[in-house]
Amino acid sequence: METIPRDPTRKTELSPGIFKTPKVKTDALEVLELELAPGAALEPHDMPCFVTFFALEGAGTFTYGDQVVTVPAGDMVRARTGTVRFWANRGDVTLRLLVIKSLGEK
């Protein structure tokens, strides 16, 4: 067993208002925490693996191709490869997501 405490010293700013904190990375799995400040949005992108997002705090807008959904804290989204996606925080509190990348799943 391994306990992985939250370590704010590992947090890096990807772009203004968007922060990434790595948790675990193996050959099959990557887990990280993603934070988006109010008004922040990721650039549209695709991933080479399945990604599951769990909203820990706040609510975010997830765009997946032409689908747009609001994801509140406690809900999850699973995204397959081959479709452009991005998160935006249109709320007034920080959006915190647990991101789980299934590196072997295409």
PDB file of N, CA and C in Angstrom:
ATOM      1  N   MET A   1       0.841  -1.172   0.000  1.00  0.00           N
ATOM      2  CA  MET A   1       0.000   0.000   0.000  1.00  0.00           C
ATOM      3  C   MET A   1       0.889   1.239   0.000  1.00  0.00           C
ATOM      4  N   GLU A   2       0.381   2.276  -0.643  1.00  0.00           N
ATOM      5  CA  GLU A   2       1.101   3.544  -0.679  1.00  0.00           C
ATOM      6  C   GLU A   2       0.104   4.671  -0.436  1.00  0.00           C
ATOM      7  N   THR A   3       0.390   5.516   0.513  1.00  0.00           N
ATOM      8  CA  THR A   3      -0.419   6.711   0.761  1.00  0.00           C
ATOM      9  C   THR A   3       0.275   7.874   0.076  1.00  0.00           C
ATOM     10  N   ILE A   4      -0.488   8.632  -0.706  1.00  0.00           N
ATOM     11  CA  ILE A   4       0.084   9.746  -1.458  1.00  0.00           C
ATOM     12  C   ILE A   4      -0.575  11.033  -0.960  1.00  0.00           C
ATOM     13  N   PRO A   5       0.118  11.759  -0.095  1.00  0.00           N
ATOM     14  CA  PRO A   5      -0.486  12.980   0.451  1.00  0.00           C
ATOM     15  C   PRO A   5      -0.537  14.087  -0.605  1.00  0.00           C
ATOM     16  N   ARG A   6      -1.448  14.999  -0.411  1.00  0.00           N
ATOM     17  CA  ARG A   6      -1.524  16.173  -1.275  1.00  0.00           C
ATOM     18  C   ARG A   6      -0.270  17.003  -1.042  1.00  0.00           C
ATOM     19  N   ASP A   7       0.445  17.314  -2.091  1.00  0.00           N
ATOM     20  CA  ASP A   7       1.721  18.017  -1.976  1.00  0.00           C
ATOM     21  C   ASP A   7       1.687  19.272  -2.834  1.00  0.00           C
ATOM     22  N   PRO A   8       1.351  20.428  -2.236  1.00  0.00           N
ATOM     23  CA  PRO A   8       1.247  21.664  -3.024  1.00  0.00           C
ATOM     24  C   PRO A   8       2.561  22.109  -3.663  1.00  0.00           C
ATOM     25  N   THR A   9       3.683  21.580  -3.211  1.00  0.00           N
ATOM     26  CA  THR A   9       4.964  21.978  -3.810  1.00  0.00           C
ATOM     27  C   THR A   9       5.140  21.375  -5.201  1.00  0.00           C
ATOM     28  N   ARG A  10       4.342  20.358  -5.552  1.00  0.00           N
ATOM     29  CA  ARG A  10       4.436  19.734  -6.877  1.00  0.00           C
ATOM     30  C   ARG A  10       3.521  20.417  -7.906  1.00  0.00           C
ATOM     31  N   LYS A  11       2.735  21.384  -7.453  1.00  0.00           N
ATOM     32  CA  LYS A  11       1.791  22.072  -8.341  1.00  0.00           C
ATOM     33  C   LYS A  11       2.551  22.969  -9.310  1.00  0.00           C
ATOM     34  N   THR A  12       2.218  22.856 -10.598  1.00  0.00           N
ATOM     35  CA  THR A  12       2.813  23.718 -11.608  1.00  0.00           C
ATOM     36  C   THR A  12       1.707  24.424 -12.393  1.00  0.00           C
ATOM     37  N   GLU A  13       1.986  25.642 -12.800  1.00  0.00           N
ATOM     38  CA  GLU A  13       1.010  26.403 -13.582  1.00  0.00           C
ATOM     39  C   GLU A  13       1.216  26.090 -15.058  1.00  0.00           C
ATOM     40  N   LEU A  14       0.185  25.516 -15.689  1.00  0.00           N
ATOM     41  CA  LEU A  14       0.252  25.167 -17.118  1.00  0.00           C
ATOM     42  C   LEU A  14       0.038  26.397 -17.989  1.00  0.00           C
ATOM     43  N   SER A  15      -0.875  27.232 -17.584  1.00  0.00           N
ATOM     44  CA  SER A  15      -1.152  28.516 -18.224  1.00  0.00           C
ATOM     45  C   SER A  15      -1.879  29.354 -17.174  1.00  0.00           C
ATOM     46  N   PRO A  16      -2.101  30.637 -17.415  1.00  0.00           N
ATOM     47  CA  PRO A  16      -2.699  31.471 -16.371  1.00  0.00           C
ATOM     48  C   PRO A  16      -3.991  30.873 -15.808  1.00  0.00           C
ATOM     49  N   GLY A  17      -3.984  30.636 -14.482  1.00  0.00           N
ATOM     50  CA  GLY A  17      -5.164  30.125 -13.793  1.00  0.00           C
ATOM     51  C   GLY A  17      -5.383  28.628 -13.893  1.00  0.00           C
ATOM     52  N   ILE A  18      -4.464  27.894 -14.504  1.00  0.00           N
ATOM     53  CA  ILE A  18      -4.612  26.442 -14.662  1.00  0.00           C
ATOM     54  C   ILE A  18      -3.397  25.758 -14.044  1.00  0.00           C
ATOM     55  N   PHE A  19      -3.664  24.900 -13.065  1.00  0.00           N
ATOM     56  CA  PHE A  19      -2.595  24.251 -12.311  1.00  0.00           C
ATOM     57  C   PHE A  19      -2.724  22.737 -12.366  1.00  0.00           C
ATOM     58  N   LYS A  20      -1.586  22.053 -12.426  1.00  0.00           N
ATOM     59  CA  LYS A  20      -1.524  20.595 -12.473  1.00  0.00           C
ATOM     60  C   LYS A  20      -0.668  20.119 -11.304  1.00  0.00           C
ATOM     61  N   THR A  21      -1.175  19.109 -10.585  1.00  0.00           N
ATOM     62  CA  THR A  21      -0.399  18.489  -9.517  1.00  0.00           C
ATOM     63  C   THR A  21      -0.351  16.991  -9.791  1.00  0.00           C
ATOM     64  N   PRO A  22       0.816  16.455 -10.183  1.00  0.00           N
ATOM     65  CA  PRO A  22       0.914  15.019 -10.442  1.00  0.00           C
ATOM     66  C   PRO A  22       0.736  14.218  -9.158  1.00  0.00           C
ATOM     67  N   LYS A  23       0.109  13.046  -9.292  1.00  0.00           N
ATOM     68  CA  LYS A  23      -0.106  12.156  -8.153  1.00  0.00           C
ATOM     69  C   LYS A  23       0.641  10.841  -8.351  1.00  0.00           C
ATOM     70  N   VAL A  24       0.310  10.129  -9.444  1.00  0.00           N
ATOM     71  CA  VAL A  24       0.882   8.806  -9.713  1.00  0.00           C
ATOM     72  C   VAL A  24       1.066   8.657 -11.212  1.00  0.00           C
ATOM     73  N   LYS A  25       2.156   8.011 -11.621  1.00  0.00           N
ATOM     74  CA  LYS A  25       2.328   7.675 -13.032  1.00  0.00           C
ATOM     75  C   LYS A  25       3.031   6.333 -13.123  1.00  0.00           C
ATOM     76  N   THR A  26       2.374   5.399 -13.855  1.00  0.00           N
ATOM     77  CA  THR A  26       2.948   4.092 -14.140  1.00  0.00           C
ATOM     78  C   THR A  26       2.875   3.889 -15.647  1.00  0.00           C
ATOM     79  N   ASP A  27       3.244   2.717 -16.121  1.00  0.00           N
ATOM     80  CA  ASP A  27       3.128   2.434 -17.552  1.00  0.00           C
ATOM     81  C   ASP A  27       1.672   2.416 -18.014  1.00  0.00           C
ATOM     82  N   ALA A  28       0.745   2.102 -17.104  1.00  0.00           N
ATOM     83  CA  ALA A  28      -0.656   1.936 -17.488  1.00  0.00           C
ATOM     84  C   ALA A  28      -1.569   3.071 -17.036  1.00  0.00           C
ATOM     85  N   LEU A  29      -1.109   3.890 -16.088  1.00  0.00           N
ATOM     86  CA  LEU A  29      -2.009   4.822 -15.432  1.00  0.00           C
ATOM     87  C   LEU A  29      -1.296   6.120 -15.061  1.00  0.00           C
ATOM     88  N   GLU A  30      -1.998   7.232 -15.249  1.00  0.00           N
ATOM     89  CA  GLU A  30      -1.507   8.510 -14.734  1.00  0.00           C
ATOM     90  C   GLU A  30      -2.664   9.179 -14.001  1.00  0.00           C
ATOM     91  N   VAL A  31      -2.406   9.636 -12.789  1.00  0.00           N
ATOM     92  CA  VAL A  31      -3.411  10.321 -11.984  1.00  0.00           C
ATOM     93  C   VAL A  31      -2.848  11.688 -11.613  1.00  0.00           C
ATOM     94  N   LEU A  32      -3.669  12.721 -11.795  1.00  0.00           N
ATOM     95  CA  LEU A  32      -3.234  14.067 -11.449  1.00  0.00           C
ATOM     96  C   LEU A  32      -4.425  14.882 -10.996  1.00  0.00           C
ATOM     97  N   GLU A  33      -4.136  15.974 -10.332  1.00  0.00           N
ATOM     98  CA  GLU A  33      -5.163  16.923  -9.940  1.00  0.00           C
ATOM     99  C   GLU A  33      -5.026  18.137 -10.845  1.00  0.00           C
ATOM    100  N   LEU A  34      -6.146  18.612 -11.356  1.00  0.00           N
ATOM    101  CA  LEU A  34      -6.167  19.766 -12.233  1.00  0.00           C
ATOM    102  C   LEU A  34      -7.055  20.816 -11.591  1.00  0.00           C
ATOM    103  N   GLU A  35      -6.569  22.039 -11.530  1.00  0.00           N
ATOM    104  CA  GLU A  35      -7.338  23.153 -10.960  1.00  0.00           C
ATOM    105  C   GLU A  35      -7.482  24.245 -12.008  1.00  0.00           C
ATOM    106  N   LEU A  36      -8.707  24.734 -12.163  1.00  0.00           N
ATOM    107  CA  LEU A  36      -8.973  25.858 -13.056  1.00  0.00           C
ATOM    108  C   LEU A  36      -9.599  26.975 -12.239  1.00  0.00           C
ATOM    109  N   ALA A  37      -8.955  28.117 -12.233  1.00  0.00           N
ATOM    110  CA  ALA A  37      -9.484  29.286 -11.541  1.00  0.00           C
ATOM    111  C   ALA A  37     -10.725  29.780 -12.282  1.00  0.00           C
ATOM    112  N   PRO A  38     -11.587  30.540 -11.607  1.00  0.00           N
ATOM    113  CA  PRO A  38     -12.744  31.106 -12.311  1.00  0.00           C
ATOM    114  C   PRO A  38     -12.308  31.859 -13.570  1.00  0.00           C
ATOM    115  N   GLY A  39     -12.983  31.572 -14.676  1.00  0.00           N
ATOM    116  CA  GLY A  39     -12.680  32.207 -15.953  1.00  0.00           C
ATOM    117  C   GLY A  39     -11.618  31.500 -16.777  1.00  0.00           C
ATOM    118  N   ALA A  40     -10.922  30.508 -16.200  1.00  0.00           N
ATOM    119  CA  ALA A  40      -9.851  29.807 -16.924  1.00  0.00           C
ATOM    120  C   ALA A  40     -10.435  28.703 -17.803  1.00  0.00           C
ATOM    121  N   ALA A  41      -9.724  28.400 -18.899  1.00  0.00           N
ATOM    122  CA  ALA A  41     -10.135  27.319 -19.802  1.00  0.00           C
ATOM    123  C   ALA A  41      -8.891  26.693 -20.428  1.00  0.00           C
ATOM    124  N   LEU A  42      -8.942  25.389 -20.594  1.00  0.00           N
ATOM    125  CA  LEU A  42      -7.870  24.689 -21.304  1.00  0.00           C
ATOM    126  C   LEU A  42      -8.009  24.938 -22.798  1.00  0.00           C
ATOM    127  N   GLU A  43      -6.925  24.792 -23.524  1.00  0.00           N
ATOM    128  CA  GLU A  43      -6.974  24.837 -24.986  1.00  0.00           C
ATOM    129  C   GLU A  43      -7.625  23.542 -25.481  1.00  0.00           C
ATOM    130  N   PRO A  44      -8.430  23.593 -26.543  1.00  0.00           N
ATOM    131  CA  PRO A  44      -8.977  22.363 -27.108  1.00  0.00           C
ATOM    132  C   PRO A  44      -7.849  21.414 -27.523  1.00  0.00           C
ATOM    133  N   HIS A  45      -7.998  20.128 -27.205  1.00  0.00           N
ATOM    134  CA  HIS A  45      -6.959  19.135 -27.490  1.00  0.00           C
ATOM    135  C   HIS A  45      -7.573  17.742 -27.518  1.00  0.00           C
ATOM    136  N   ASP A  46      -6.825  16.780 -27.994  1.00  0.00           N
ATOM    137  CA  ASP A  46      -7.203  15.369 -27.950  1.00  0.00           C
ATOM    138  C   ASP A  46      -6.162  14.664 -27.101  1.00  0.00           C
ATOM    139  N   MET A  47      -6.465  13.476 -26.640  1.00  0.00           N
ATOM    140  CA  MET A  47      -5.525  12.676 -25.857  1.00  0.00           C
ATOM    141  C   MET A  47      -5.382  11.312 -26.533  1.00  0.00           C
ATOM    142  N   PRO A  48      -4.212  10.680 -26.413  1.00  0.00           N
ATOM    143  CA  PRO A  48      -4.000   9.374 -27.037  1.00  0.00           C
ATOM    144  C   PRO A  48      -4.493   8.210 -26.179  1.00  0.00           C
ATOM    145  N   CYS A  49      -5.286   8.515 -25.120  1.00  0.00           N
ATOM    146  CA  CYS A  49      -5.783   7.461 -24.242  1.00  0.00           C
ATOM    147  C   CYS A  49      -7.138   7.879 -23.667  1.00  0.00           C
ATOM    148  N   PHE A  50      -7.841   6.912 -23.061  1.00  0.00           N
ATOM    149  CA  PHE A  50      -9.077   7.222 -22.354  1.00  0.00           C
ATOM    150  C   PHE A  50      -8.724   8.075 -21.138  1.00  0.00           C
ATOM    151  N   VAL A  51      -9.589   9.026 -20.816  1.00  0.00           N
ATOM    152  CA  VAL A  51      -9.389   9.860 -19.643  1.00  0.00           C
ATOM    153  C   VAL A  51     -10.709   9.935 -18.875  1.00  0.00           C
ATOM    154  N   THR A  52     -10.618   9.736 -17.558  1.00  0.00           N
ATOM    155  CA  THR A  52     -11.770   9.888 -16.678  1.00  0.00           C
ATOM    156  C   THR A  52     -11.514  11.097 -15.799  1.00  0.00           C
ATOM    157  N   PHE A  53     -12.520  11.958 -15.685  1.00  0.00           N
ATOM    158  CA  PHE A  53     -12.432  13.167 -14.872  1.00  0.00           C
ATOM    159  C   PHE A  53     -13.463  13.061 -13.756  1.00  0.00           C
ATOM    160  N   PHE A  54     -13.044  13.324 -12.528  1.00  0.00           N
ATOM    161  CA  PHE A  54     -13.949  13.361 -11.388  1.00  0.00           C
ATOM    162  C   PHE A  54     -13.897  14.770 -10.815  1.00  0.00           C
ATOM    163  N   ALA A  55     -15.041  15.449 -10.807  1.00  0.00           N
ATOM    164  CA  ALA A  55     -15.095  16.816 -10.280  1.00  0.00           C
ATOM    165  C   ALA A  55     -15.101  16.770  -8.755  1.00  0.00           C
ATOM    166  N   LEU A  56     -14.030  17.280  -8.163  1.00  0.00           N
ATOM    167  CA  LEU A  56     -13.889  17.286  -6.708  1.00  0.00           C
ATOM    168  C   LEU A  56     -14.560  18.491  -6.070  1.00  0.00           C
ATOM    169  N   GLU A  57     -14.374  19.660  -6.671  1.00  0.00           N
ATOM    170  CA  GLU A  57     -14.945  20.913  -6.149  1.00  0.00           C
ATOM    171  C   GLU A  57     -15.335  21.800  -7.315  1.00  0.00           C
ATOM    172  N   GLY A  58     -16.344  22.617  -7.085  1.00  0.00           N
ATOM    173  CA  GLY A  58     -16.791  23.535  -8.119  1.00  0.00           C
ATOM    174  C   GLY A  58     -17.601  22.810  -9.183  1.00  0.00           C
ATOM    175  N   ALA A  59     -17.807  23.487 -10.289  1.00  0.00           N
ATOM    176  CA  ALA A  59     -18.497  22.908 -11.440  1.00  0.00           C
ATOM    177  C   ALA A  59     -17.786  23.417 -12.685  1.00  0.00           C
ATOM    178  N   GLY A  60     -17.687  22.565 -13.687  1.00  0.00           N
ATOM    179  CA  GLY A  60     -17.000  22.946 -14.910  1.00  0.00           C
ATOM    180  C   GLY A  60     -17.824  22.647 -16.136  1.00  0.00           C
ATOM    181  N   THR A  61     -17.476  23.303 -17.213  1.00  0.00           N
ATOM    182  CA  THR A  61     -18.098  23.042 -18.505  1.00  0.00           C
ATOM    183  C   THR A  61     -17.114  22.210 -19.315  1.00  0.00           C
ATOM    184  N   PHE A  62     -17.560  21.012 -19.722  1.00  0.00           N
ATOM    185  CA  PHE A  62     -16.720  20.107 -20.498  1.00  0.00           C
ATOM    186  C   PHE A  62     -17.257  20.066 -21.915  1.00  0.00           C
ATOM    187  N   THR A  63     -16.397  20.424 -22.859  1.00  0.00           N
ATOM    188  CA  THR A  63     -16.758  20.365 -24.280  1.00  0.00           C
ATOM    189  C   THR A  63     -16.031  19.185 -24.890  1.00  0.00           C
ATOM    190  N   TYR A  64     -16.800  18.312 -25.553  1.00  0.00           N
ATOM    191  CA  TYR A  64     -16.290  17.078 -26.148  1.00  0.00           C
ATOM    192  C   TYR A  64     -16.861  16.998 -27.555  1.00  0.00           C
ATOM    193  N   GLY A  65     -16.042  17.399 -28.537  1.00  0.00           N
ATOM    194  CA  GLY A  65     -16.572  17.505 -29.893  1.00  0.00           C
ATOM    195  C   GLY A  65     -17.625  18.591 -29.913  1.00  0.00           C
ATOM    196  N   ASP A  66     -18.858  18.237 -30.336  1.00  0.00           N
ATOM    197  CA  ASP A  66     -19.940  19.221 -30.359  1.00  0.00           C
ATOM    198  C   ASP A  66     -20.859  19.098 -29.148  1.00  0.00           C
ATOM    199  N   GLN A  67     -20.493  18.257 -28.175  1.00  0.00           N
ATOM    200  CA  GLN A  67     -21.275  18.110 -26.951  1.00  0.00           C
ATOM    201  C   GLN A  67     -20.711  19.022 -25.862  1.00  0.00           C
ATOM    202  N   VAL A  68     -21.596  19.693 -25.143  1.00  0.00           N
ATOM    203  CA  VAL A  68     -21.187  20.563 -24.043  1.00  0.00           C
ATOM    204  C   VAL A  68     -22.039  20.198 -22.828  1.00  0.00           C
ATOM    205  N   VAL A  69     -21.362  19.868 -21.705  1.00  0.00           N
ATOM    206  CA  VAL A  69     -22.076  19.504 -20.486  1.00  0.00           C
ATOM    207  C   VAL A  69     -21.497  20.271 -19.303  1.00  0.00           C
ATOM    208  N   THR A  70     -22.340  20.539 -18.328  1.00  0.00           N
ATOM    209  CA  THR A  70     -21.889  21.108 -17.060  1.00  0.00           C
ATOM    210  C   THR A  70     -21.711  19.947 -16.097  1.00  0.00           C
ATOM    211  N   VAL A  71     -20.551  19.895 -15.458  1.00  0.00           N
ATOM    212  CA  VAL A  71     -20.216  18.791 -14.566  1.00  0.00           C
ATOM    213  C   VAL A  71     -20.017  19.347 -13.154  1.00  0.00           C
ATOM    214  N   PRO A  72     -20.966  19.055 -12.238  1.00  0.00           N
ATOM    215  CA  PRO A  72     -20.829  19.546 -10.870  1.00  0.00           C
ATOM    216  C   PRO A  72     -19.943  18.626 -10.033  1.00  0.00           C
ATOM    217  N   ALA A  73     -19.520  19.119  -8.881  1.00  0.00           N
ATOM    218  CA  ALA A  73     -18.734  18.310  -7.942  1.00  0.00           C
ATOM    219  C   ALA A  73     -19.484  17.014  -7.644  1.00  0.00           C
ATOM    220  N   GLY A  74     -18.743  15.923  -7.668  1.00  0.00           N
ATOM    221  CA  GLY A  74     -19.318  14.603  -7.408  1.00  0.00           C
ATOM    222  C   GLY A  74     -19.639  13.818  -8.659  1.00  0.00           C
ATOM    223  N   ASP A  75     -19.668  14.479  -9.818  1.00  0.00           N
ATOM    224  CA  ASP A  75     -19.946  13.787 -11.078  1.00  0.00           C
ATOM    225  C   ASP A  75     -18.650  13.455 -11.802  1.00  0.00           C
ATOM    226  N   MET A  76     -18.753  12.489 -12.725  1.00  0.00           N
ATOM    227  CA  MET A  76     -17.602  12.042 -13.516  1.00  0.00           C
ATOM    228  C   MET A  76     -17.916  12.131 -14.995  1.00  0.00           C
ATOM    229  N   VAL A  77     -16.849  12.253 -15.790  1.00  0.00           N
ATOM    230  CA  VAL A  77     -16.939  12.217 -17.248  1.00  0.00           C
ATOM    231  C   VAL A  77     -15.848  11.276 -17.733  1.00  0.00           C
ATOM    232  N   ARG A  78     -16.156  10.440 -18.717  1.00  0.00           N
ATOM    233  CA  ARG A  78     -15.139   9.574 -19.325  1.00  0.00           C
ATOM    234  C   ARG A  78     -15.053   9.929 -20.795  1.00  0.00           C
ATOM    235  N   ALA A  79     -13.847  10.191 -21.278  1.00  0.00           N
ATOM    236  CA  ALA A  79     -13.657  10.636 -22.662  1.00  0.00           C
ATOM    237  C   ALA A  79     -12.742   9.669 -23.401  1.00  0.00           C
ATOM    238  N   ARG A  80     -13.197   9.240 -24.562  1.00  0.00           N
ATOM    239  CA  ARG A  80     -12.395   8.367 -25.415  1.00  0.00           C
ATOM    240  C   ARG A  80     -11.430   9.198 -26.259  1.00  0.00           C
ATOM    241  N   THR A  81     -10.524   8.533 -26.936  1.00  0.00           N
ATOM    242  CA  THR A  81      -9.590   9.214 -27.834  1.00  0.00           C
ATOM    243  C   THR A  81     -10.306   9.611 -29.121  1.00  0.00           C
ATOM    244  N   GLY A  82      -9.650  10.467 -29.889  1.00  0.00           N
ATOM    245  CA  GLY A  82     -10.149  10.802 -31.216  1.00  0.00           C
ATOM    246  C   GLY A  82     -11.144  11.947 -31.261  1.00  0.00           C
ATOM    247  N   THR A  83     -11.400  12.597 -30.137  1.00  0.00           N
ATOM    248  CA  THR A  83     -12.330  13.720 -30.108  1.00  0.00           C
ATOM    249  C   THR A  83     -11.692  14.876 -29.343  1.00  0.00           C
ATOM    250  N   VAL A  84     -11.725  16.045 -29.936  1.00  0.00           N
ATOM    251  CA  VAL A  84     -11.181  17.233 -29.285  1.00  0.00           C
ATOM    252  C   VAL A  84     -12.070  17.582 -28.100  1.00  0.00           C
ATOM    253  N   ARG A  85     -11.408  17.949 -26.980  1.00  0.00           N
ATOM    254  CA  ARG A  85     -12.125  18.273 -25.762  1.00  0.00           C
ATOM    255  C   ARG A  85     -11.398  19.366 -25.003  1.00  0.00           C
ATOM    256  N   PHE A  86     -12.132  20.006 -24.067  1.00  0.00           N
ATOM    257  CA  PHE A  86     -11.491  20.947 -23.148  1.00  0.00           C
ATOM    258  C   PHE A  86     -12.444  21.270 -22.000  1.00  0.00           C
ATOM    259  N   TRP A  87     -11.857  21.714 -20.896  1.00  0.00           N
ATOM    260  CA  TRP A  87     -12.596  22.164 -19.725  1.00  0.00           C
ATOM    261  C   TRP A  87     -12.559  23.684 -19.656  1.00  0.00           C
ATOM    262  N   ALA A  88     -13.646  24.258 -19.143  1.00  0.00           N
ATOM    263  CA  ALA A  88     -13.699  25.689 -18.855  1.00  0.00           C
ATOM    264  C   ALA A  88     -14.382  25.873 -17.504  1.00  0.00           C
ATOM    265  N   ASN A  89     -13.910  26.844 -16.749  1.00  0.00           N
ATOM    266  CA  ASN A  89     -14.533  27.172 -15.472  1.00  0.00           C
ATOM    267  C   ASN A  89     -15.264  28.489 -15.645  1.00  0.00           C
ATOM    268  N   ARG A  90     -16.573  28.407 -15.799  1.00  0.00           N
ATOM    269  CA  ARG A  90     -17.391  29.610 -15.976  1.00  0.00           C
ATOM    270  C   ARG A  90     -18.020  30.053 -14.666  1.00  0.00           C
ATOM    271  N   GLY A  91     -17.641  29.373 -13.571  1.00  0.00           N
ATOM    272  CA  GLY A  91     -18.181  29.698 -12.261  1.00  0.00           C
ATOM    273  C   GLY A  91     -17.350  30.743 -11.539  1.00  0.00           C
ATOM    274  N   ASP A  92     -17.658  30.905 -10.250  1.00  0.00           N
ATOM    275  CA  ASP A  92     -16.940  31.909  -9.460  1.00  0.00           C
ATOM    276  C   ASP A  92     -16.086  31.283  -8.353  1.00  0.00           C
ATOM    277  N   VAL A  93     -15.931  29.943  -8.376  1.00  0.00           N
ATOM    278  CA  VAL A  93     -15.033  29.247  -7.447  1.00  0.00           C
ATOM    279  C   VAL A  93     -14.108  28.340  -8.255  1.00  0.00           C
ATOM    280  N   THR A  94     -12.998  27.965  -7.673  1.00  0.00           N
ATOM    281  CA  THR A  94     -12.030  27.094  -8.351  1.00  0.00           C
ATOM    282  C   THR A  94     -12.662  25.746  -8.672  1.00  0.00           C
ATOM    283  N   LEU A  95     -12.404  25.266  -9.873  1.00  0.00           N
ATOM    284  CA  LEU A  95     -12.801  23.921 -10.293  1.00  0.00           C
ATOM    285  C   LEU A  95     -11.621  22.995 -10.038  1.00  0.00           C
ATOM    286  N   ARG A  96     -11.818  21.954  -9.223  1.00  0.00           N
ATOM    287  CA  ARG A  96     -10.780  20.951  -8.968  1.00  0.00           C
ATOM    288  C   ARG A  96     -11.240  19.625  -9.548  1.00  0.00           C
ATOM    289  N   LEU A  97     -10.378  19.031 -10.368  1.00  0.00           N
ATOM    290  CA  LEU A  97     -10.675  17.755 -11.018  1.00  0.00           C
ATOM    291  C   LEU A  97      -9.612  16.732 -10.668  1.00  0.00           C
ATOM    292  N   LEU A  98     -10.031  15.501 -10.447  1.00  0.00           N
ATOM    293  CA  LEU A  98      -9.109  14.379 -10.384  1.00  0.00           C
ATOM    294  C   LEU A  98      -9.120  13.782 -11.788  1.00  0.00           C
ATOM    295  N   VAL A  99      -7.959  13.713 -12.409  1.00  0.00           N
ATOM    296  CA  VAL A  99      -7.830  13.234 -13.791  1.00  0.00           C
ATOM    297  C   VAL A  99      -7.152  11.873 -13.768  1.00  0.00           C
ATOM    298  N   ILE A 100      -7.787  10.872 -14.374  1.00  0.00           N
ATOM    299  CA  ILE A 100      -7.246   9.518 -14.409  1.00  0.00           C
ATOM    300  C   ILE A 100      -7.085   9.122 -15.876  1.00  0.00           C
ATOM    301  N   LYS A 101      -5.841   8.993 -16.292  1.00  0.00           N
ATOM    302  CA  LYS A 101      -5.546   8.632 -17.679  1.00  0.00           C
ATOM    303  C   LYS A 101      -5.226   7.136 -17.744  1.00  0.00           C
ATOM    304  N   SER A 102      -6.010   6.399 -18.536  1.00  0.00           N
ATOM    305  CA  SER A 102      -5.778   4.968 -18.754  1.00  0.00           C
ATOM    306  C   SER A 102      -4.848   4.847 -19.948  1.00  0.00           C
ATOM    307  N   LEU A 103      -3.549   4.886 -19.691  1.00  0.00           N
ATOM    308  CA  LEU A 103      -2.550   5.013 -20.765  1.00  0.00           C
ATOM    309  C   LEU A 103      -2.572   3.856 -21.749  1.00  0.00           C
ATOM    310  N   GLY A 104      -3.040   2.688 -21.329  1.00  0.00           N
ATOM    311  CA  GLY A 104      -3.082   1.544 -22.235  1.00  0.00           C
ATOM    312  C   GLY A 104      -4.381   1.425 -23.020  1.00  0.00           C
ATOM    313  N   GLU A 105      -5.392   2.225 -22.661  1.00  0.00           N
ATOM    314  CA  GLU A 105      -6.691   2.169 -23.338  1.00  0.00           C
ATOM    315  C   GLU A 105      -6.742   3.205 -24.447  1.00  0.00           C
ATOM    316  N   LYS A 106      -6.999   2.764 -25.654  1.00  0.00           N
ATOM    317  CA  LYS A 106      -7.062   3.675 -26.807  1.00  0.00           C
ATOM    318  C   LYS A 106      -8.496   3.870 -27.241  1.00  0.00           C
TER     319      LYS A 106
END
